[in-house]
Amino acid sequence: MQVFQIKYPLIMILFISLVGSTALVSFPNSSGQMDKQIPDWIKSVAGWWANNEISETEFLSGIEYLINNNIISLGSMPCGTLGTASTQSVPNWIKNIAGWWSEDLIEEADFVNGIEYLIKKQIITIDNKKISGEVPLEDVVLSRHLDIDKNSLVFVESSFFEIYSVYGDCVIESGEHVWATLLLGLHPGKLSMYNEVAVWNDPQKSVVVYPLFTGFAYTEPGFYTYYRGDCDSCTTTKFSNHKPMYSASGMGHQTLSLLGYDVITDMDLDKNPGILAQYDKVIMLHNEYVTRAMFDAITNHPNVLYLYPNALYAEIEVDYSNQTITLIRGHNYPDHEITNGFDWQFDNTHPYEYDNQCLNMEFYKIDNGWMTNCYPENVFLRDTEQLVQLLKAIKDL
């Protein structure tokens, strides 16, 4: 017991520093089903790992069991570094906690709550491919522009949609591993919720314009390579192997497509500007780079919802033979004083583009429709109540 009395406070001090608390030490309450009994073998595995009798991989198999049986409930799957023989997925100091639990020096609930918290904070990383989902992949309805091998997807929970990601498709943002691509799907048990906000049977015809050209512009080397001064000739850039999940408005695109909205690309619109006459409502996403023909067609339509700020910001030309787009005007080009390339009076880039929390999101009227006062991409993955309010507003405007 003397060793425990010395080591336990040291580890708890480290734990406090990780969670940023100076209060009485306690693990967060678990959302897992603690009425489910943890098999004795998992406790034995924890003790063996603490004593270096088994490998980290074998210890993690017990943690994966707890997740797959809803004893540990993550809510959403962290996109952590995948465990391999050369990658340490569990810090060594957690062995102390595993050992204390195996010796009944801490409560079972404290161990489970603590492990759950450490996984959510990506202090413990797990192999996502070993975590099973609740909805079969073949039942998931994906955006029409998506072409991906479903067998490579990883399930992530959501209160509104089912969410999947490509196994191992992680990027680092603010020092944490996050999913680079998220794929939304409809949950067959939530059709009544979807019916409130979908337009499957709506007499009003609505269309979403997907920002393919803007995705090309952001591809490296491209316009932003030029803006940084790293390339003198990058004001013309090739069509890229562009992912259909263009991150700046990919969640909005997928959500509306799943809920029955027609989707065209800005390439479709540029080739046939008259296509918008077929629709009662046009919904723009982050369509930052557009041609003059597109700009005229959009601004002349009587009912446009500019769902994302920064739309219609810079003028481009498209060469379909050579598959290139060329920056013509805007975004401080060709003169630094030029911001909006069309000198559009309703440009709402500043300051609304940089509010991505949307805590006070509103729509406001302009001559040919409505604009938003924030950048709503995160709303599509946030709490159901706010998302439903947004989707109802989009449907009713």
Protein backbone atom coordinates (compact mmCIF):
# COMPACT_ATOMS: atom_id res chain seq x y z
CA MET A 1 0.00 0.00 0.00
CA GLN A 2 2.88 2.38 0.55
CA VAL A 3 3.80 2.25 -3.14
CA PHE A 4 0.18 2.98 -4.05
CA GLN A 5 0.07 5.99 -1.75
CA ILE A 6 3.11 7.47 -3.46
CA LYS A 7 2.37 6.67 -7.08
CA TYR A 8 -1.40 7.29 -7.14
CA PRO A 9 -1.20 11.06 -6.40
CA LEU A 10 1.57 11.51 -8.98
CA ILE A 11 -0.50 9.94 -11.72
CA MET A 12 -3.58 11.89 -10.68
CA ILE A 13 -1.59 15.14 -10.79
CA LEU A 14 -0.60 14.24 -14.34
CA PHE A 15 -4.24 13.49 -15.13
CA ILE A 16 -5.30 16.87 -13.72
CA SER A 17 -2.77 18.64 -15.93
CA LEU A 18 -4.17 16.85 -18.98
CA VAL A 19 -7.79 17.80 -18.35
CA GLY A 20 -6.92 21.32 -17.17
CA SER A 21 -8.67 21.09 -13.81
CA THR A 22 -7.58 22.08 -10.31
CA ALA A 23 -10.71 20.76 -8.64
CA LEU A 24 -11.07 17.60 -6.56
CA VAL A 25 -9.86 14.70 -8.68
CA SER A 26 -12.68 12.76 -10.31
CA PHE A 27 -13.27 11.15 -13.67
CA PRO A 28 -16.10 12.46 -15.85
CA ASN A 29 -19.37 10.55 -15.59
CA SER A 30 -19.55 7.75 -18.12
CA SER A 31 -22.29 7.63 -20.70
CA GLY A 32 -21.63 3.91 -21.03
CA GLN A 33 -23.93 1.24 -19.69
CA MET A 34 -22.33 0.50 -16.34
CA ASP A 35 -25.11 -1.92 -15.47
CA LYS A 36 -23.49 -4.27 -17.99
CA GLN A 37 -21.02 -6.56 -16.30
CA ILE A 38 -17.41 -6.38 -17.40
CA PRO A 39 -16.05 -9.90 -18.01
CA ASP A 40 -13.45 -11.08 -15.57
CA TRP A 41 -10.98 -11.70 -18.37
CA ILE A 42 -10.71 -7.98 -19.11
CA LYS A 43 -9.69 -7.28 -15.53
CA SER A 44 -7.12 -10.06 -15.77
CA VAL A 45 -5.82 -8.61 -19.04
CA ALA A 46 -5.42 -5.20 -17.39
CA GLY A 47 -3.34 -6.75 -14.60
CA TRP A 48 -1.19 -8.80 -16.98
CA TRP A 49 -0.49 -5.71 -19.10
CA ALA A 50 0.36 -3.68 -16.00
CA ASN A 51 2.91 -6.38 -15.07
CA ASN A 52 4.35 -6.51 -18.61
CA GLU A 53 3.14 -10.07 -19.10
CA ILE A 54 1.20 -9.30 -22.30
CA SER A 55 1.51 -6.76 -25.09
CA GLU A 56 -0.24 -3.43 -25.47
CA THR A 57 -2.19 -4.88 -28.42
CA GLU A 58 -3.68 -7.58 -26.18
CA PHE A 59 -4.66 -4.96 -23.59
CA LEU A 60 -6.33 -2.87 -26.32
CA SER A 61 -8.39 -5.89 -27.39
CA GLY A 62 -10.11 -5.64 -24.00
CA ILE A 63 -10.77 -1.92 -24.49
CA GLU A 64 -12.19 -2.62 -27.96
CA TYR A 65 -14.52 -5.18 -26.37
CA LEU A 66 -15.78 -2.55 -23.92
CA ILE A 67 -16.49 -0.13 -26.77
CA ASN A 68 -18.18 -2.68 -29.01
CA ASN A 69 -20.43 -3.78 -26.13
CA ASN A 70 -21.36 -0.20 -25.18
CA ILE A 71 -19.70 -0.37 -21.79
CA ILE A 72 -17.49 2.46 -22.96
CA SER A 73 -19.59 4.93 -25.01
CA LEU A 74 -17.59 7.34 -27.14
CA GLY A 75 -20.38 9.20 -28.92
CA SER A 76 -18.06 9.71 -31.89
CA MET A 77 -14.98 7.83 -32.94
CA PRO A 78 -11.73 9.80 -32.52
CA CYS A 79 -9.47 9.76 -35.56
CA GLY A 80 -6.30 8.81 -33.72
CA THR A 81 -2.99 7.34 -34.79
CA LEU A 82 -3.68 3.72 -35.61
CA GLY A 83 -2.06 1.20 -33.33
CA THR A 84 0.80 -0.74 -34.94
CA ALA A 85 3.77 -2.66 -33.70
CA SER A 86 5.91 0.46 -34.01
CA THR A 87 3.40 2.91 -32.56
CA GLN A 88 2.65 3.28 -28.88
CA SER A 89 -1.09 3.77 -28.52
CA VAL A 90 -1.28 3.83 -24.71
CA PRO A 91 1.04 5.96 -22.54
CA ASN A 92 3.02 3.90 -20.02
CA TRP A 93 1.60 5.73 -17.02
CA ILE A 94 -1.85 4.27 -17.74
CA LYS A 95 -0.40 0.90 -16.74
CA ASN A 96 -0.54 2.11 -13.16
CA ILE A 97 -4.29 2.71 -13.39
CA ALA A 98 -4.84 -0.69 -15.05
CA GLY A 99 -2.82 -2.33 -12.29
CA TRP A 100 -4.74 -0.57 -9.50
CA TRP A 101 -8.04 -1.69 -10.98
CA SER A 102 -6.81 -5.30 -11.28
CA GLU A 103 -5.87 -5.15 -7.56
CA ASP A 104 -9.22 -3.54 -6.58
CA LEU A 105 -7.50 -0.34 -5.48
CA ILE A 106 -9.84 1.77 -7.60
CA GLU A 107 -13.47 1.22 -8.52
CA GLU A 108 -14.46 -0.40 -11.78
CA ALA A 109 -16.51 2.65 -12.75
CA ASP A 110 -13.50 4.93 -12.24
CA PHE A 111 -11.40 2.75 -14.51
CA VAL A 112 -14.02 2.63 -17.28
CA ASN A 113 -14.82 6.35 -17.03
CA GLY A 114 -11.15 7.22 -17.09
CA ILE A 115 -10.36 5.06 -20.12
CA GLU A 116 -13.40 6.48 -21.95
CA TYR A 117 -12.24 10.02 -21.24
CA LEU A 118 -8.66 9.32 -22.35
CA ILE A 119 -9.86 7.81 -25.64
CA LYS A 120 -12.04 10.84 -26.34
CA LYS A 121 -9.07 13.11 -25.65
CA GLN A 122 -6.92 10.89 -27.93
CA ILE A 123 -4.46 10.17 -25.14
CA ILE A 124 -5.27 6.52 -25.79
CA THR A 125 -5.54 5.70 -29.49
CA ILE A 126 -7.34 2.65 -30.81
CA ASP A 127 -7.57 0.84 -34.12
CA ASN A 128 -10.84 2.19 -35.49
CA LYS A 129 -11.22 -0.70 -37.90
CA LYS A 130 -11.92 -3.00 -34.95
CA ILE A 131 -14.85 -0.90 -33.72
CA SER A 132 -18.13 -2.12 -35.13
CA GLY A 133 -20.96 0.13 -36.28
CA GLU A 134 -24.68 -0.10 -35.55
CA VAL A 135 -25.98 0.25 -39.12
CA PRO A 136 -24.84 -2.02 -41.97
CA LEU A 137 -22.86 -0.11 -44.59
CA GLU A 138 -25.08 -1.41 -47.38
CA ASP A 139 -28.06 0.40 -45.79
CA VAL A 140 -26.40 3.81 -45.84
CA VAL A 141 -27.57 6.30 -48.46
CA LEU A 142 -24.63 8.40 -49.62
CA SER A 143 -24.40 11.61 -51.61
CA ARG A 144 -24.88 11.02 -55.33
CA HIS A 145 -21.41 12.38 -56.17
CA LEU A 146 -19.67 9.90 -53.87
CA ASP A 147 -17.67 7.05 -55.37
CA ILE A 148 -15.82 5.16 -52.67
CA ASP A 149 -15.23 1.62 -51.48
CA LYS A 150 -17.69 1.13 -48.63
CA ASN A 151 -15.57 -1.66 -47.16
CA SER A 152 -12.97 0.92 -46.14
CA LEU A 153 -15.35 3.00 -44.03
CA VAL A 154 -15.31 3.49 -40.26
CA PHE A 155 -18.54 4.14 -38.35
CA VAL A 156 -18.97 7.27 -36.23
CA GLU A 157 -22.11 8.00 -34.21
CA SER A 158 -24.27 11.11 -34.65
CA SER A 159 -27.56 12.24 -33.15
CA PHE A 160 -29.02 13.06 -36.59
CA PHE A 161 -27.10 11.19 -39.31
CA GLU A 162 -25.00 8.10 -39.49
CA ILE A 163 -21.44 9.24 -40.19
CA TYR A 164 -18.66 7.25 -41.79
CA SER A 165 -15.07 8.00 -42.65
CA VAL A 166 -12.37 6.31 -44.65
CA TYR A 167 -10.23 4.13 -42.42
CA GLY A 168 -7.04 5.95 -41.46
CA ASP A 169 -8.02 9.16 -43.29
CA CYS A 170 -6.81 11.58 -40.62
CA VAL A 171 -5.27 15.03 -40.69
CA ILE A 172 -3.73 17.05 -37.87
CA GLU A 173 -5.51 20.25 -36.86
CA SER A 174 -4.55 22.21 -33.76
CA GLY A 175 -2.33 19.35 -32.67
CA GLU A 176 -5.10 16.69 -32.81
CA HIS A 177 -5.90 13.97 -35.31
CA VAL A 178 -9.28 14.66 -36.94
CA TRP A 179 -11.17 12.99 -39.77
CA ALA A 180 -10.21 14.39 -43.18
CA THR A 181 -13.39 13.14 -44.88
CA LEU A 182 -16.78 12.46 -43.33
CA LEU A 183 -19.58 10.69 -45.18
CA LEU A 184 -23.16 11.19 -44.02
CA GLY A 185 -25.90 8.58 -44.24
CA LEU A 186 -29.57 8.37 -43.30
CA HIS A 187 -30.54 6.26 -40.29
CA PRO A 188 -33.53 4.03 -41.19
CA GLY A 189 -34.98 4.56 -37.71
CA LYS A 190 -35.16 8.34 -38.01
CA LEU A 191 -37.34 8.80 -41.08
CA SER A 192 -39.99 10.75 -39.15
CA MET A 193 -37.32 13.26 -38.15
CA TYR A 194 -36.06 13.51 -41.72
CA ASN A 195 -39.57 13.98 -43.09
CA GLU A 196 -39.85 17.27 -41.18
CA VAL A 197 -36.91 18.81 -43.02
CA ALA A 198 -36.61 16.87 -46.31
CA VAL A 199 -38.03 18.02 -49.65
CA TRP A 200 -38.83 14.57 -51.05
CA ASN A 201 -42.48 15.53 -51.58
CA ASP A 202 -42.12 19.31 -51.64
CA PRO A 203 -43.91 20.99 -54.59
CA GLN A 204 -41.22 23.70 -54.63
CA LYS A 205 -38.27 22.63 -56.78
CA SER A 206 -34.92 23.45 -55.17
CA VAL A 207 -31.37 22.92 -56.35
CA VAL A 208 -27.97 23.05 -54.65
CA VAL A 209 -24.97 24.30 -56.63
CA TYR A 210 -21.90 22.29 -55.66
CA PRO A 211 -18.60 24.32 -55.76
CA LEU A 212 -16.44 22.19 -58.00
CA PHE A 213 -14.44 25.14 -59.37
CA THR A 214 -13.70 26.40 -55.87
CA GLY A 215 -12.37 22.97 -54.98
CA PHE A 216 -10.03 23.19 -57.98
CA ALA A 217 -8.86 26.64 -56.90
CA TYR A 218 -7.85 25.39 -53.45
CA THR A 219 -5.88 22.43 -54.78
CA GLU A 220 -2.09 22.79 -54.61
CA PRO A 221 -0.45 24.04 -56.74
CA GLY A 222 -3.22 26.52 -57.48
CA PHE A 223 -4.51 29.97 -56.74
CA TYR A 224 -3.42 29.85 -53.11
CA THR A 225 0.08 28.83 -54.14
CA TYR A 226 0.09 32.06 -56.13
CA TYR A 227 -1.36 34.14 -53.28
CA ARG A 228 1.45 32.96 -50.99
CA GLY A 229 4.04 34.03 -53.56
CA ASP A 230 5.23 30.46 -54.16
CA CYS A 231 4.23 30.31 -57.84
CA ASP A 232 4.06 33.06 -60.47
CA SER A 233 2.06 31.06 -63.01
CA CYS A 234 -0.55 29.44 -60.78
CA THR A 235 -3.34 31.84 -61.67
CA THR A 236 -4.16 29.10 -64.16
CA THR A 237 -4.59 25.67 -62.62
CA LYS A 238 -5.71 22.26 -63.85
CA PHE A 239 -8.89 20.47 -62.92
CA SER A 240 -7.89 18.30 -59.98
CA ASN A 241 -8.86 14.84 -58.84
CA HIS A 242 -11.21 16.67 -56.58
CA LYS A 243 -12.83 14.87 -53.66
CA PRO A 244 -16.62 15.26 -53.64
CA MET A 245 -16.38 16.17 -49.96
CA TYR A 246 -14.82 19.59 -50.60
CA SER A 247 -14.24 20.51 -46.97
CA ALA A 248 -15.45 24.10 -47.04
CA SER A 249 -19.08 23.10 -47.64
CA GLY A 250 -19.03 19.31 -47.98
CA MET A 251 -21.31 18.74 -45.00
CA GLY A 252 -23.91 21.14 -46.36
CA HIS A 253 -23.77 19.49 -49.77
CA GLN A 254 -24.17 15.97 -48.39
CA THR A 255 -26.94 16.93 -45.99
CA LEU A 256 -29.11 18.64 -48.58
CA SER A 257 -28.48 15.91 -51.17
CA LEU A 258 -29.57 13.23 -48.70
CA LEU A 259 -32.74 15.18 -47.88
CA GLY A 260 -33.93 15.26 -51.48
CA TYR A 261 -32.53 18.47 -52.90
CA ASP A 262 -31.40 18.34 -56.51
CA VAL A 263 -27.65 18.91 -56.89
CA ILE A 264 -25.81 20.32 -59.88
CA THR A 265 -22.18 21.37 -60.07
CA ASP A 266 -21.05 24.85 -60.94
CA MET A 267 -19.60 23.24 -64.08
CA ASP A 268 -23.13 22.20 -65.08
CA LEU A 269 -24.32 25.73 -64.44
CA ASP A 270 -21.50 27.35 -66.39
CA LYS A 271 -22.23 25.19 -69.43
CA ASN A 272 -25.97 25.79 -69.21
CA PRO A 273 -26.81 28.99 -67.26
CA GLY A 274 -30.48 28.63 -68.19
CA ILE A 275 -30.77 25.50 -66.04
CA LEU A 276 -31.69 27.62 -63.00
CA ALA A 277 -35.00 28.60 -64.64
CA GLN A 278 -36.21 25.08 -63.83
CA TYR A 279 -36.01 25.75 -60.10
CA ASP A 280 -38.03 27.82 -57.64
CA LYS A 281 -35.10 28.10 -55.22
CA VAL A 282 -31.34 28.00 -55.71
CA ILE A 283 -29.02 27.21 -52.79
CA MET A 284 -25.41 28.32 -53.05
CA LEU A 285 -22.68 26.73 -50.94
CA HIS A 286 -19.12 28.06 -50.70
CA ASN A 287 -19.11 28.95 -54.40
CA GLU A 288 -16.22 31.41 -54.10
CA TYR A 289 -14.85 31.13 -57.67
CA VAL A 290 -17.40 31.50 -60.47
CA THR A 291 -17.54 32.55 -64.11
CA ARG A 292 -19.30 35.67 -65.38
CA ALA A 293 -22.02 33.49 -66.90
CA MET A 294 -22.60 31.85 -63.53
CA PHE A 295 -22.62 35.17 -61.69
CA ASP A 296 -25.24 36.61 -64.05
CA ALA A 297 -27.45 33.50 -63.87
CA ILE A 298 -27.33 33.37 -60.07
CA THR A 299 -27.85 37.06 -59.37
CA ASN A 300 -30.73 37.22 -61.87
CA HIS A 301 -32.62 34.35 -60.23
CA PRO A 302 -35.39 35.70 -57.95
CA ASN A 303 -34.92 33.31 -55.02
CA VAL A 304 -31.37 32.39 -54.05
CA LEU A 305 -30.23 31.27 -50.59
CA TYR A 306 -26.55 32.09 -50.14
CA LEU A 307 -26.01 29.54 -47.40
CA TYR A 308 -22.29 30.28 -46.96
CA PRO A 309 -20.61 33.70 -46.90
CA ASN A 310 -17.87 34.39 -49.49
CA ALA A 311 -19.96 33.20 -52.46
CA LEU A 312 -19.48 34.90 -55.86
CA TYR A 313 -16.18 36.40 -54.74
CA ALA A 314 -13.74 35.97 -57.64
CA GLU A 315 -14.19 35.74 -61.41
CA ILE A 316 -12.63 32.86 -63.33
CA GLU A 317 -12.57 31.60 -66.91
CA VAL A 318 -12.80 27.90 -67.74
CA ASP A 319 -11.04 26.12 -70.59
CA TYR A 320 -12.78 22.76 -70.96
CA SER A 321 -10.44 21.58 -73.71
CA ASN A 322 -7.34 21.99 -71.55
CA GLN A 323 -9.28 21.39 -68.31
CA THR A 324 -8.07 24.54 -66.58
CA ILE A 325 -9.51 27.44 -64.64
CA THR A 326 -7.89 30.88 -64.77
CA LEU A 327 -8.26 33.67 -62.22
CA ILE A 328 -9.50 36.83 -63.96
CA ARG A 329 -10.40 39.26 -61.23
CA GLY A 330 -10.86 39.36 -57.46
CA HIS A 331 -9.15 38.23 -54.28
CA ASN A 332 -6.67 41.14 -54.60
CA TYR A 333 -5.94 40.26 -58.24
CA PRO A 334 -4.82 41.74 -60.61
CA ASP A 335 -4.68 44.81 -58.34
CA HIS A 336 -4.35 44.59 -54.59
CA GLU A 337 -7.31 46.95 -54.09
CA ILE A 338 -9.73 44.56 -55.80
CA THR A 339 -11.58 42.33 -53.35
CA ASN A 340 -14.82 41.11 -54.91
CA GLY A 341 -14.11 40.42 -58.58
CA PHE A 342 -17.62 41.40 -59.65
CA ASP A 343 -17.83 44.50 -57.41
CA TRP A 344 -20.93 42.84 -56.02
CA GLN A 345 -22.73 45.07 -53.55
CA PHE A 346 -24.05 42.15 -51.51
CA ASP A 347 -20.69 40.48 -50.89
CA ASN A 348 -20.79 39.31 -47.26
CA THR A 349 -17.32 37.79 -46.90
CA HIS A 350 -16.29 40.11 -44.08
CA PRO A 351 -16.92 39.55 -41.25
CA TYR A 352 -19.31 36.63 -41.63
CA GLU A 353 -16.95 34.13 -43.28
CA TYR A 354 -14.89 33.83 -40.11
CA ASP A 355 -17.74 33.05 -37.70
CA ASN A 356 -17.82 29.26 -37.95
CA GLN A 357 -19.54 28.72 -34.59
CA CYS A 358 -22.86 30.19 -35.73
CA LEU A 359 -24.13 30.64 -32.18
CA ASN A 360 -26.46 33.43 -33.34
CA MET A 361 -27.14 32.32 -36.89
CA GLU A 362 -29.68 34.35 -38.85
CA PHE A 363 -30.85 34.82 -42.41
CA TYR A 364 -31.18 38.33 -43.79
CA LYS A 365 -32.88 39.55 -46.98
CA ILE A 366 -31.15 40.91 -50.08
CA ASP A 367 -32.56 41.81 -53.50
CA ASN A 368 -32.73 38.28 -54.91
CA GLY A 369 -32.93 36.11 -51.83
CA TRP A 370 -31.32 35.51 -48.47
CA MET A 371 -27.87 35.45 -46.88
CA THR A 372 -26.47 34.05 -43.64
CA ASN A 373 -24.50 35.93 -41.00
CA CYS A 374 -22.05 33.08 -40.26
CA TYR A 375 -20.31 30.08 -41.83
CA PRO A 376 -22.58 27.10 -41.03
CA GLU A 377 -20.44 24.08 -41.96
CA ASN A 378 -20.03 22.94 -38.33
CA VAL A 379 -23.77 23.16 -37.70
CA PHE A 380 -24.34 20.11 -39.92
CA LEU A 381 -22.39 17.98 -37.42
CA ARG A 382 -23.64 19.62 -34.23
CA ASP A 383 -26.64 19.12 -31.95
CA THR A 384 -29.84 17.94 -33.57
CA GLU A 385 -32.02 20.81 -32.35
CA GLN A 386 -29.94 23.52 -34.01
CA LEU A 387 -29.52 21.48 -37.19
CA VAL A 388 -33.25 20.82 -37.48
CA GLN A 389 -33.96 24.54 -37.05
CA LEU A 390 -31.50 25.34 -39.83
CA LEU A 391 -32.90 22.70 -42.18
CA LYS A 392 -36.47 23.86 -41.57
CA ALA A 393 -35.45 27.41 -42.40
CA ILE A 394 -33.72 26.30 -45.60
CA LYS A 395 -36.85 24.40 -46.63
CA ASP A 396 -39.26 27.23 -45.83
CA LEU A 397 -37.39 30.26 -47.22
